[in-house]
Each structure stands twice: as C-alpha cells, then as structure tokens.
Amino acid sequence: MSVNTLRDWIADYNEEALLADGFEQAVIGMCERFGQSPVVAYDREKCIEILMANFVQTINEDEDEDLYTMAVEYFDFNVSGSYVGENTPVFLTLYKP
C-alpha cells in the first residue's frame, strides 16, 4: 500500500491521526477506545526490524554493536516514548503463543 493510500485509509477513521515517520510498513490497523478518536496502531517488533535495517547501513562493520539492542533503545526513547497529543499512535506487542 502506498503512503498516500495509507494516509487516505487512516483519514477515513481519523483525519488528525498521526503517523510515525518511516514506519509505514509496520502499520497493522487502527486502535479505538471509548470516548477517544481512533489512532494508528503499529506492530512494535516490525518497527524494531525497520530500525535494525536502517542501523545496519550506518554502523561500521568493525563496531561490535548489537543491532537489536540499539534499535530497542532508540525505539523506546525516540518513537514510543514520544507523546504528541491525543492522536499519537500506539505500538502493539503481538501475542505469539
């Protein structure tokens, strides 16, 4: 789904819903709660995978970096840790029995 198509689909639920830049491929739907506008819902692990793919392109091969740890720390602080109002997206950890 293209970004414009995604934005159009989201706007059908909430024109003011916010997107997390660069994580369009991790959108899994809209999340609703009583008395609140729907917000975009993301797959948390997919977001971390996207960050890992971005980080692998920027770190030096000689560096002993744990990409997963780097991605989780970045995600927790800069993405899921950023509240920008009632239309802030949510990040779901999917249950995998």
C-alpha atoms as a PDB file:
ATOM      1  CA  MET A   1       0.000   0.000   0.000  1.00  0.00           C
ATOM      2  CA  SER A   2       1.425   3.391  -0.933  1.00  0.00           C
ATOM      3  CA  VAL A   3       1.817   6.103   1.698  1.00  0.00           C
ATOM      4  CA  ASN A   4      -0.931   8.219   0.101  1.00  0.00           C
ATOM      5  CA  THR A   5      -3.309   5.267   0.041  1.00  0.00           C
ATOM      6  CA  LEU A   6      -2.411   4.509   3.661  1.00  0.00           C
ATOM      7  CA  ARG A   7      -2.978   8.120   4.692  1.00  0.00           C
ATOM      8  CA  ASP A   8      -6.319   8.135   2.860  1.00  0.00           C
ATOM      9  CA  TRP A   9      -7.360   4.915   4.622  1.00  0.00           C
ATOM     10  CA  ILE A  10      -6.370   6.342   8.017  1.00  0.00           C
ATOM     11  CA  ALA A  11      -8.207   9.602   7.281  1.00  0.00           C
ATOM     12  CA  ASP A  12     -11.417   7.607   6.853  1.00  0.00           C
ATOM     13  CA  TYR A  13     -11.154   6.852  10.584  1.00  0.00           C
ATOM     14  CA  ASN A  14      -9.450   9.993  11.903  1.00  0.00           C
ATOM     15  CA  GLU A  15      -8.125  12.807   9.721  1.00  0.00           C
ATOM     16  CA  GLU A  16      -5.951  14.013  12.598  1.00  0.00           C
ATOM     17  CA  ALA A  17      -4.344  10.638  13.388  1.00  0.00           C
ATOM     18  CA  LEU A  18      -0.565  10.899  13.403  1.00  0.00           C
ATOM     19  CA  LEU A  19       1.932   8.591  11.704  1.00  0.00           C
ATOM     20  CA  ALA A  20       5.380   7.663  12.949  1.00  0.00           C
ATOM     21  CA  ASP A  21       7.697   8.674  10.104  1.00  0.00           C
ATOM     22  CA  GLY A  22       9.412   5.811   8.344  1.00  0.00           C
ATOM     23  CA  PHE A  23       7.298   3.041   9.842  1.00  0.00           C
ATOM     24  CA  GLU A  24       4.518   2.817   7.262  1.00  0.00           C
ATOM     25  CA  GLN A  25       5.298  -0.874   6.625  1.00  0.00           C
ATOM     26  CA  ALA A  26       4.590  -1.637  10.298  1.00  0.00           C
ATOM     27  CA  VAL A  27       1.032  -0.276  10.363  1.00  0.00           C
ATOM     28  CA  ILE A  28      -1.373  -3.032  11.375  1.00  0.00           C
ATOM     29  CA  GLY A  29      -4.583  -1.047  11.727  1.00  0.00           C
ATOM     30  CA  MET A  30      -6.430   1.473  13.817  1.00  0.00           C
ATOM     31  CA  CYS A  31      -6.951   1.306  17.574  1.00  0.00           C
ATOM     32  CA  GLU A  32     -10.137   2.549  19.195  1.00  0.00           C
ATOM     33  CA  ARG A  33     -11.136   3.274  22.789  1.00  0.00           C
ATOM     34  CA  PHE A  34     -14.392   4.502  24.188  1.00  0.00           C
ATOM     35  CA  GLY A  35     -14.663   8.280  24.026  1.00  0.00           C
ATOM     36  CA  GLN A  36     -11.456   8.755  22.002  1.00  0.00           C
ATOM     37  CA  SER A  37     -10.687   9.105  18.319  1.00  0.00           C
ATOM     38  CA  PRO A  38      -9.115   6.118  16.561  1.00  0.00           C
ATOM     39  CA  VAL A  39      -5.315   6.177  16.312  1.00  0.00           C
ATOM     40  CA  VAL A  40      -2.848   4.321  14.110  1.00  0.00           C
ATOM     41  CA  ALA A  41      -1.621   1.008  15.514  1.00  0.00           C
ATOM     42  CA  TYR A  42       1.847  -0.351  14.736  1.00  0.00           C
ATOM     43  CA  ASP A  43       3.490  -3.736  15.216  1.00  0.00           C
ATOM     44  CA  ARG A  44       6.278  -2.921  17.708  1.00  0.00           C
ATOM     45  CA  GLU A  45       8.596  -5.733  16.548  1.00  0.00           C
ATOM     46  CA  LYS A  46       8.193  -4.713  12.900  1.00  0.00           C
ATOM     47  CA  CYS A  47       9.189  -1.163  13.879  1.00  0.00           C
ATOM     48  CA  ILE A  48      12.318  -2.527  15.568  1.00  0.00           C
ATOM     49  CA  GLU A  49      13.124  -4.595  12.467  1.00  0.00           C
ATOM     50  CA  ILE A  50      12.863  -1.436  10.343  1.00  0.00           C
ATOM     51  CA  LEU A  51      15.242   0.370  12.699  1.00  0.00           C
ATOM     52  CA  MET A  52      17.694  -2.543  12.623  1.00  0.00           C
ATOM     53  CA  ALA A  53      17.708  -2.448   8.810  1.00  0.00           C
ATOM     54  CA  ASN A  54      18.411   1.296   8.942  1.00  0.00           C
ATOM     55  CA  PHE A  55      21.142   0.931  11.557  1.00  0.00           C
ATOM     56  CA  VAL A  56      22.954  -1.827   9.663  1.00  0.00           C
ATOM     57  CA  GLN A  57      23.517   0.702   6.877  1.00  0.00           C
ATOM     58  CA  THR A  58      25.024   3.304   9.208  1.00  0.00           C
ATOM     59  CA  ILE A  59      27.330   1.425  11.578  1.00  0.00           C
ATOM     60  CA  ASN A  60      30.880   0.435  10.814  1.00  0.00           C
ATOM     61  CA  GLU A  61      31.319  -3.315  10.264  1.00  0.00           C
ATOM     62  CA  ASP A  62      34.169  -3.302  12.791  1.00  0.00           C
ATOM     63  CA  GLU A  63      31.961  -1.950  15.559  1.00  0.00           C
ATOM     64  CA  ASP A  64      30.742  -4.558  18.000  1.00  0.00           C
ATOM     65  CA  GLU A  65      27.186  -3.281  18.189  1.00  0.00           C
ATOM     66  CA  ASP A  66      24.128  -5.330  18.996  1.00  0.00           C
ATOM     67  CA  LEU A  67      21.660  -4.047  16.394  1.00  0.00           C
ATOM     68  CA  TYR A  68      18.617  -5.339  18.256  1.00  0.00           C
ATOM     69  CA  THR A  69      19.608  -3.587  21.492  1.00  0.00           C
ATOM     70  CA  MET A  70      20.394  -0.369  19.623  1.00  0.00           C
ATOM     71  CA  ALA A  71      17.048  -0.494  17.832  1.00  0.00           C
ATOM     72  CA  VAL A  72      15.053  -1.204  21.003  1.00  0.00           C
ATOM     73  CA  GLU A  73      16.748   1.609  22.915  1.00  0.00           C
ATOM     74  CA  TYR A  74      16.185   4.052  20.050  1.00  0.00           C
ATOM     75  CA  PHE A  75      12.583   2.924  19.619  1.00  0.00           C
ATOM     76  CA  ASP A  76      11.740   3.142  23.331  1.00  0.00           C
ATOM     77  CA  PHE A  77      13.185   6.632  23.722  1.00  0.00           C
ATOM     78  CA  ASN A  78      12.540   8.307  20.360  1.00  0.00           C
ATOM     79  CA  VAL A  79       9.456   6.595  18.954  1.00  0.00           C
ATOM     80  CA  SER A  80       7.158   5.016  21.532  1.00  0.00           C
ATOM     81  CA  GLY A  81       8.408   7.443  24.167  1.00  0.00           C
ATOM     82  CA  SER A  82       7.188  10.443  22.175  1.00  0.00           C
ATOM     83  CA  TYR A  83       3.705  11.562  23.148  1.00  0.00           C
ATOM     84  CA  VAL A  84       2.426  14.325  20.877  1.00  0.00           C
ATOM     85  CA  GLY A  85      -1.201  14.543  21.891  1.00  0.00           C
ATOM     86  CA  GLU A  86      -4.391  12.551  21.704  1.00  0.00           C
ATOM     87  CA  ASN A  87      -3.712  11.428  18.117  1.00  0.00           C
ATOM     88  CA  THR A  88      -0.358   9.832  18.988  1.00  0.00           C
ATOM     89  CA  PRO A  89      -0.091   6.323  17.513  1.00  0.00           C
ATOM     90  CA  VAL A  90       0.075   3.170  19.616  1.00  0.00           C
ATOM     91  CA  PHE A  91       2.630   0.372  19.357  1.00  0.00           C
ATOM     92  CA  LEU A  92       1.392  -3.156  19.989  1.00  0.00           C
ATOM     93  CA  THR A  93       3.367  -6.157  21.074  1.00  0.00           C
ATOM     94  CA  LEU A  94       1.617  -9.020  19.334  1.00  0.00           C
ATOM     95  CA  TYR A  95       0.859 -12.160  21.293  1.00  0.00           C
ATOM     96  CA  LYS A  96       2.720 -15.133  19.831  1.00  0.00           C
ATOM     97  CA  PRO A  97       1.900 -18.299  21.778  1.00  0.00           C
END
